[in-house]
């Protein structure tokens, strides 16, 4: 998978191997300017490691 250094940096990414993924919930609490705000988003957090071809394979 390609991991960008900055959001939207499609030309400057580094290749990595996907090693894990977790379901997460992001919450945005109410603030002083928007007291009624309480938003929730479900997403995946992806964990990457290693450069492709430079890791040990399990037997």
Protein backbone atom coordinates (compact mmCIF):
# COMPACT_ATOMS: atom_id res chain seq x y z
CA UNK A 1 0.00 0.00 0.00
CA UNK A 2 1.12 3.59 -0.53
CA UNK A 3 1.55 5.78 2.56
CA UNK A 4 1.52 9.51 1.80
CA UNK A 5 3.73 11.87 3.79
CA UNK A 6 0.98 14.53 3.68
CA UNK A 7 -2.78 14.27 2.97
CA UNK A 8 -3.38 14.32 -0.78
CA UNK A 9 0.31 13.81 -1.62
CA UNK A 10 -0.26 11.14 -4.26
CA UNK A 11 3.10 11.71 -5.95
CA UNK A 12 5.23 11.45 -2.82
CA UNK A 13 4.19 8.24 -1.13
CA UNK A 14 6.28 5.36 0.15
CA UNK A 15 5.32 1.74 -0.37
CA UNK A 16 4.64 -0.37 2.72
CA UNK A 17 3.07 -3.69 3.65
CA UNK A 18 -0.35 -3.65 5.35
CA UNK A 19 0.01 -5.57 8.63
CA UNK A 20 -3.24 -4.84 10.52
CA UNK A 21 -6.51 -2.89 10.47
CA UNK A 22 -8.86 -1.83 13.28
CA UNK A 23 -12.40 -0.44 13.28
CA UNK A 24 -12.50 2.88 15.16
CA UNK A 25 -15.12 5.49 16.06
CA UNK A 26 -14.15 9.15 15.89
CA UNK A 27 -16.18 11.54 18.06
CA UNK A 28 -16.39 15.31 17.78
CA UNK A 29 -17.81 16.74 21.00
CA UNK A 30 -19.82 19.89 21.44
CA UNK A 31 -17.84 23.14 21.56
CA UNK A 32 -18.55 26.68 22.76
CA UNK A 33 -19.45 27.77 19.23
CA UNK A 34 -21.56 24.71 18.35
CA UNK A 35 -23.03 23.34 21.61
CA UNK A 36 -25.40 20.97 19.79
CA UNK A 37 -22.61 19.22 17.91
CA UNK A 38 -22.01 15.56 18.73
CA UNK A 39 -20.89 13.79 15.57
CA UNK A 40 -19.63 10.24 15.17
CA UNK A 41 -17.83 8.60 12.28
CA UNK A 42 -16.81 4.97 11.89
CA UNK A 43 -13.59 4.31 10.04
CA UNK A 44 -10.68 1.94 9.66
CA UNK A 45 -7.19 2.63 10.96
CA UNK A 46 -4.61 0.87 8.81
CA UNK A 47 -1.21 -0.17 10.16
CA UNK A 48 1.67 -0.48 7.71
CA UNK A 49 5.24 -1.62 8.18
CA UNK A 50 8.20 -2.70 6.07
CA UNK A 51 9.15 -1.94 2.53
CA UNK A 52 7.73 -4.57 0.14
CA UNK A 53 10.19 -7.43 -0.40
CA UNK A 54 12.30 -6.52 2.67
CA UNK A 55 10.62 -8.59 5.38
CA UNK A 56 10.78 -12.17 6.60
CA UNK A 57 8.14 -14.58 5.29
CA UNK A 58 6.56 -16.99 7.76
CA UNK A 59 6.71 -20.69 6.88
